[in-house]
């Protein structure tokens, strides 16, 4: 499923759709060329927990 974004350039504000795989990565607006970060990281798989440090 695609992620819908609005270009952060106040003079552009183009609505963009990027693939889910772009979350947490930088993309470029096709209209104005502004580069920005797609918010959010890819969702973690269920049942996985971070390892505890020091054990």
PDB file of N, CA and C in Angstrom:
ATOM      1  N   UNK A   1       0.846  -1.178   0.000  1.00  0.00           N
ATOM      2  CA  UNK A   1       0.000   0.000   0.000  1.00  0.00           C
ATOM      3  C   UNK A   1       0.892   1.242   0.000  1.00  0.00           C
ATOM      4  N   UNK A   2       0.523   2.233  -0.738  1.00  0.00           N
ATOM      5  CA  UNK A   2       1.318   3.457  -0.867  1.00  0.00           C
ATOM      6  C   UNK A   2       1.068   4.415   0.297  1.00  0.00           C
ATOM      7  N   UNK A   3       2.054   5.254   0.557  1.00  0.00           N
ATOM      8  CA  UNK A   3       1.962   6.292   1.577  1.00  0.00           C
ATOM      9  C   UNK A   3       1.690   7.608   0.847  1.00  0.00           C
ATOM     10  N   UNK A   4       0.672   8.346   1.286  1.00  0.00           N
ATOM     11  CA  UNK A   4       0.346   9.633   0.681  1.00  0.00           C
ATOM     12  C   UNK A   4       0.968  10.741   1.511  1.00  0.00           C
ATOM     13  N   UNK A   5       1.706  11.636   0.852  1.00  0.00           N
ATOM     14  CA  UNK A   5       2.407  12.736   1.515  1.00  0.00           C
ATOM     15  C   UNK A   5       2.114  14.038   0.794  1.00  0.00           C
ATOM     16  N   UNK A   6       2.392  15.136   1.467  1.00  0.00           N
ATOM     17  CA  UNK A   6       2.344  16.453   0.841  1.00  0.00           C
ATOM     18  C   UNK A   6       3.755  17.010   0.891  1.00  0.00           C
ATOM     19  N   UNK A   7       4.237  17.504  -0.233  1.00  0.00           N
ATOM     20  CA  UNK A   7       5.574  18.085  -0.288  1.00  0.00           C
ATOM     21  C   UNK A   7       5.681  19.194   0.757  1.00  0.00           C
ATOM     22  N   UNK A   8       6.757  19.196   1.563  1.00  0.00           N
ATOM     23  CA  UNK A   8       6.902  20.208   2.612  1.00  0.00           C
ATOM     24  C   UNK A   8       7.277  21.596   2.095  1.00  0.00           C
ATOM     25  N   UNK A   9       7.608  21.721   0.817  1.00  0.00           N
ATOM     26  CA  UNK A   9       7.937  23.022   0.236  1.00  0.00           C
ATOM     27  C   UNK A   9       6.652  23.856   0.177  1.00  0.00           C
ATOM     28  N   UNK A  10       6.617  24.963   0.902  1.00  0.00           N
ATOM     29  CA  UNK A  10       5.403  25.775   0.989  1.00  0.00           C
ATOM     30  C   UNK A  10       4.966  26.357  -0.348  1.00  0.00           C
ATOM     31  N   UNK A  11       5.881  26.470  -1.296  1.00  0.00           N
ATOM     32  CA  UNK A  11       5.524  26.987  -2.618  1.00  0.00           C
ATOM     33  C   UNK A  11       5.029  25.878  -3.546  1.00  0.00           C
ATOM     34  N   UNK A  12       5.159  24.629  -3.138  1.00  0.00           N
ATOM     35  CA  UNK A  12       4.801  23.489  -3.986  1.00  0.00           C
ATOM     36  C   UNK A  12       3.537  22.786  -3.465  1.00  0.00           C
ATOM     37  N   UNK A  13       3.662  22.148  -2.315  1.00  0.00           N
ATOM     38  CA  UNK A  13       2.569  21.428  -1.645  1.00  0.00           C
ATOM     39  C   UNK A  13       1.909  20.364  -2.527  1.00  0.00           C
ATOM     40  N   UNK A  14       2.673  19.742  -3.414  1.00  0.00           N
ATOM     41  CA  UNK A  14       2.166  18.684  -4.286  1.00  0.00           C
ATOM     42  C   UNK A  14       1.869  17.432  -3.464  1.00  0.00           C
ATOM     43  N   UNK A  15       0.783  16.749  -3.784  1.00  0.00           N
ATOM     44  CA  UNK A  15       0.448  15.487  -3.129  1.00  0.00           C
ATOM     45  C   UNK A  15       1.219  14.380  -3.837  1.00  0.00           C
ATOM     46  N   UNK A  16       1.963  13.608  -3.056  1.00  0.00           N
ATOM     47  CA  UNK A  16       2.812  12.538  -3.584  1.00  0.00           C
ATOM     48  C   UNK A  16       2.377  11.200  -3.010  1.00  0.00           C
ATOM     49  N   UNK A  17       2.561  10.142  -3.765  1.00  0.00           N
ATOM     50  CA  UNK A  17       2.343   8.791  -3.265  1.00  0.00           C
ATOM     51  C   UNK A  17       3.641   8.023  -3.450  1.00  0.00           C
ATOM     52  N   UNK A  18       4.131   7.452  -2.355  1.00  0.00           N
ATOM     53  CA  UNK A  18       5.369   6.677  -2.388  1.00  0.00           C
ATOM     54  C   UNK A  18       5.088   5.288  -1.823  1.00  0.00           C
ATOM     55  N   UNK A  19       5.855   4.281  -2.207  1.00  0.00           N
ATOM     56  CA  UNK A  19       5.629   2.928  -1.691  1.00  0.00           C
ATOM     57  C   UNK A  19       5.936   2.828  -0.197  1.00  0.00           C
ATOM     58  N   UNK A  20       5.318   1.858   0.468  1.00  0.00           N
ATOM     59  CA  UNK A  20       5.560   1.634   1.900  1.00  0.00           C
ATOM     60  C   UNK A  20       7.039   1.458   2.206  1.00  0.00           C
ATOM     61  N   UNK A  21       7.780   0.888   1.290  1.00  0.00           N
ATOM     62  CA  UNK A  21       9.206   0.661   1.492  1.00  0.00           C
ATOM     63  C   UNK A  21      10.010   1.941   1.618  1.00  0.00           C
ATOM     64  N   UNK A  22       9.401   3.080   1.308  1.00  0.00           N
ATOM     65  CA  UNK A  22      10.102   4.364   1.395  1.00  0.00           C
ATOM     66  C   UNK A  22      10.050   4.961   2.800  1.00  0.00           C
ATOM     67  N   UNK A  23       9.302   4.353   3.708  1.00  0.00           N
ATOM     68  CA  UNK A  23       9.222   4.881   5.081  1.00  0.00           C
ATOM     69  C   UNK A  23      10.611   4.918   5.700  1.00  0.00           C
ATOM     70  N   UNK A  24      10.936   6.059   6.318  1.00  0.00           N
ATOM     71  CA  UNK A  24      12.240   6.224   6.949  1.00  0.00           C
ATOM     72  C   UNK A  24      13.352   6.584   5.970  1.00  0.00           C
ATOM     73  N   UNK A  25      13.017   6.759   4.703  1.00  0.00           N
ATOM     74  CA  UNK A  25      14.018   7.101   3.688  1.00  0.00           C
ATOM     75  C   UNK A  25      13.735   8.489   3.123  1.00  0.00           C
ATOM     76  N   UNK A  26      14.722   9.020   2.409  1.00  0.00           N
ATOM     77  CA  UNK A  26      14.571  10.330   1.780  1.00  0.00           C
ATOM     78  C   UNK A  26      14.022  10.155   0.370  1.00  0.00           C
ATOM     79  N   UNK A  27      13.078  11.024  -0.006  1.00  0.00           N
ATOM     80  CA  UNK A  27      12.509  11.025  -1.354  1.00  0.00           C
ATOM     81  C   UNK A  27      12.583  12.437  -1.914  1.00  0.00           C
ATOM     82  N   UNK A  28      12.437  12.541  -3.227  1.00  0.00           N
ATOM     83  CA  UNK A  28      12.490  13.842  -3.895  1.00  0.00           C
ATOM     84  C   UNK A  28      11.139  14.111  -4.557  1.00  0.00           C
ATOM     85  N   UNK A  29      10.626  15.318  -4.373  1.00  0.00           N
ATOM     86  CA  UNK A  29       9.384  15.732  -5.018  1.00  0.00           C
ATOM     87  C   UNK A  29       9.636  15.823  -6.523  1.00  0.00           C
ATOM     88  N   UNK A  30       8.768  15.197  -7.307  1.00  0.00           N
ATOM     89  CA  UNK A  30       8.925  15.192  -8.762  1.00  0.00           C
ATOM     90  C   UNK A  30       8.658  16.568  -9.366  1.00  0.00           C
ATOM     91  N   UNK A  31       7.899  17.407  -8.654  1.00  0.00           N
ATOM     92  CA  UNK A  31       7.545  18.715  -9.209  1.00  0.00           C
ATOM     93  C   UNK A  31       8.598  19.783  -8.914  1.00  0.00           C
ATOM     94  N   UNK A  32       8.994  19.918  -7.640  1.00  0.00           N
ATOM     95  CA  UNK A  32       9.897  21.015  -7.262  1.00  0.00           C
ATOM     96  C   UNK A  32      11.328  20.566  -6.970  1.00  0.00           C
ATOM     97  N   UNK A  33      11.540  19.257  -6.769  1.00  0.00           N
ATOM     98  CA  UNK A  33      12.880  18.746  -6.509  1.00  0.00           C
ATOM     99  C   UNK A  33      13.288  18.747  -5.045  1.00  0.00           C
ATOM    100  N   UNK A  34      12.423  19.195  -4.148  1.00  0.00           N
ATOM    101  CA  UNK A  34      12.719  19.213  -2.709  1.00  0.00           C
ATOM    102  C   UNK A  34      12.915  17.782  -2.217  1.00  0.00           C
ATOM    103  N   UNK A  35      13.994  17.544  -1.456  1.00  0.00           N
ATOM    104  CA  UNK A  35      14.266  16.242  -0.865  1.00  0.00           C
ATOM    105  C   UNK A  35      13.829  16.280   0.593  1.00  0.00           C
ATOM    106  N   UNK A  36      13.107  15.236   1.033  1.00  0.00           N
ATOM    107  CA  UNK A  36      12.638  15.188   2.418  1.00  0.00           C
ATOM    108  C   UNK A  36      12.490  13.750   2.878  1.00  0.00           C
ATOM    109  N   UNK A  37      12.398  13.576   4.187  1.00  0.00           N
ATOM    110  CA  UNK A  37      12.312  12.261   4.811  1.00  0.00           C
ATOM    111  C   UNK A  37      10.857  11.816   4.892  1.00  0.00           C
ATOM    112  N   UNK A  38      10.589  10.574   4.489  1.00  0.00           N
ATOM    113  CA  UNK A  38       9.250  10.001   4.628  1.00  0.00           C
ATOM    114  C   UNK A  38       9.105   9.585   6.088  1.00  0.00           C
ATOM    115  N   UNK A  39       8.095  10.085   6.793  1.00  0.00           N
ATOM    116  CA  UNK A  39       7.966   9.778   8.220  1.00  0.00           C
ATOM    117  C   UNK A  39       7.670   8.308   8.490  1.00  0.00           C
ATOM    118  N   UNK A  40       8.089   7.868   9.678  1.00  0.00           N
ATOM    119  CA  UNK A  40       7.803   6.520  10.135  1.00  0.00           C
ATOM    120  C   UNK A  40       8.734   5.485   9.539  1.00  0.00           C
ATOM    121  N   UNK A  41       9.037   4.489  10.324  1.00  0.00           N
ATOM    122  CA  UNK A  41       9.851   3.376   9.845  1.00  0.00           C
ATOM    123  C   UNK A  41       8.910   2.278   9.379  1.00  0.00           C
ATOM    124  N   UNK A  42       9.425   1.351   8.634  1.00  0.00           N
ATOM    125  CA  UNK A  42       8.619   0.209   8.211  1.00  0.00           C
ATOM    126  C   UNK A  42       8.136  -0.516   9.464  1.00  0.00           C
ATOM    127  N   UNK A  43       6.892  -0.960   9.478  1.00  0.00           N
ATOM    128  CA  UNK A  43       6.377  -1.628  10.671  1.00  0.00           C
ATOM    129  C   UNK A  43       7.170  -2.889  11.002  1.00  0.00           C
ATOM    130  N   UNK A  44       7.422  -3.095  12.294  1.00  0.00           N
ATOM    131  CA  UNK A  44       8.162  -4.278  12.745  1.00  0.00           C
ATOM    132  C   UNK A  44       7.262  -5.503  12.647  1.00  0.00           C
ATOM    133  N   UNK A  45       7.881  -6.657  12.443  1.00  0.00           N
ATOM    134  CA  UNK A  45       7.111  -7.893  12.381  1.00  0.00           C
ATOM    135  C   UNK A  45       6.602  -8.230  13.772  1.00  0.00           C
ATOM    136  N   UNK A  46       5.398  -8.789  13.846  1.00  0.00           N
ATOM    137  CA  UNK A  46       4.823  -9.167  15.134  1.00  0.00           C
ATOM    138  C   UNK A  46       5.642 -10.295  15.752  1.00  0.00           C
ATOM    139  N   UNK A  47       5.753 -10.261  17.068  1.00  0.00           N
ATOM    140  CA  UNK A  47       6.443 -11.313  17.785  1.00  0.00           C
ATOM    141  C   UNK A  47       7.934 -11.088  17.934  1.00  0.00           C
ATOM    142  N   UNK A  48       8.448  -9.999  17.389  1.00  0.00           N
ATOM    143  CA  UNK A  48       9.874  -9.723  17.553  1.00  0.00           C
ATOM    144  C   UNK A  48      10.053  -8.644  18.599  1.00  0.00           C
ATOM    145  N   UNK A  49      11.028  -8.841  19.455  1.00  0.00           N
ATOM    146  CA  UNK A  49      11.331  -7.871  20.490  1.00  0.00           C
ATOM    147  C   UNK A  49      12.819  -7.574  20.438  1.00  0.00           C
ATOM    148  N   UNK A  50      13.205  -6.348  20.774  1.00  0.00           N
ATOM    149  CA  UNK A  50      14.634  -6.031  20.787  1.00  0.00           C
ATOM    150  C   UNK A  50      15.372  -6.843  21.847  1.00  0.00           C
ATOM    151  N   UNK A  51      16.589  -7.242  21.548  1.00  0.00           N
ATOM    152  CA  UNK A  51      17.404  -8.001  22.500  1.00  0.00           C
ATOM    153  C   UNK A  51      17.832  -7.092  23.642  1.00  0.00           C
ATOM    154  N   UNK A  52      17.899  -7.651  24.848  1.00  0.00           N
ATOM    155  CA  UNK A  52      18.323  -6.876  26.008  1.00  0.00           C
ATOM    156  C   UNK A  52      19.844  -6.807  26.039  1.00  0.00           C
ATOM    157  N   UNK A  53      20.369  -5.633  26.292  1.00  0.00           N
ATOM    158  CA  UNK A  53      21.821  -5.444  26.360  1.00  0.00           C
ATOM    159  C   UNK A  53      22.358  -5.985  27.681  1.00  0.00           C
ATOM    160  N   UNK A  54      23.535  -6.567  27.647  1.00  0.00           N
ATOM    161  CA  UNK A  54      24.186  -7.013  28.876  1.00  0.00           C
ATOM    162  C   UNK A  54      23.795  -8.398  29.339  1.00  0.00           C
ATOM    163  N   UNK A  55      23.050  -9.138  28.595  1.00  0.00           N
ATOM    164  CA  UNK A  55      22.674 -10.494  29.017  1.00  0.00           C
ATOM    165  C   UNK A  55      23.243 -11.519  28.102  1.00  0.00           C
TER     166      UNK A  55
END
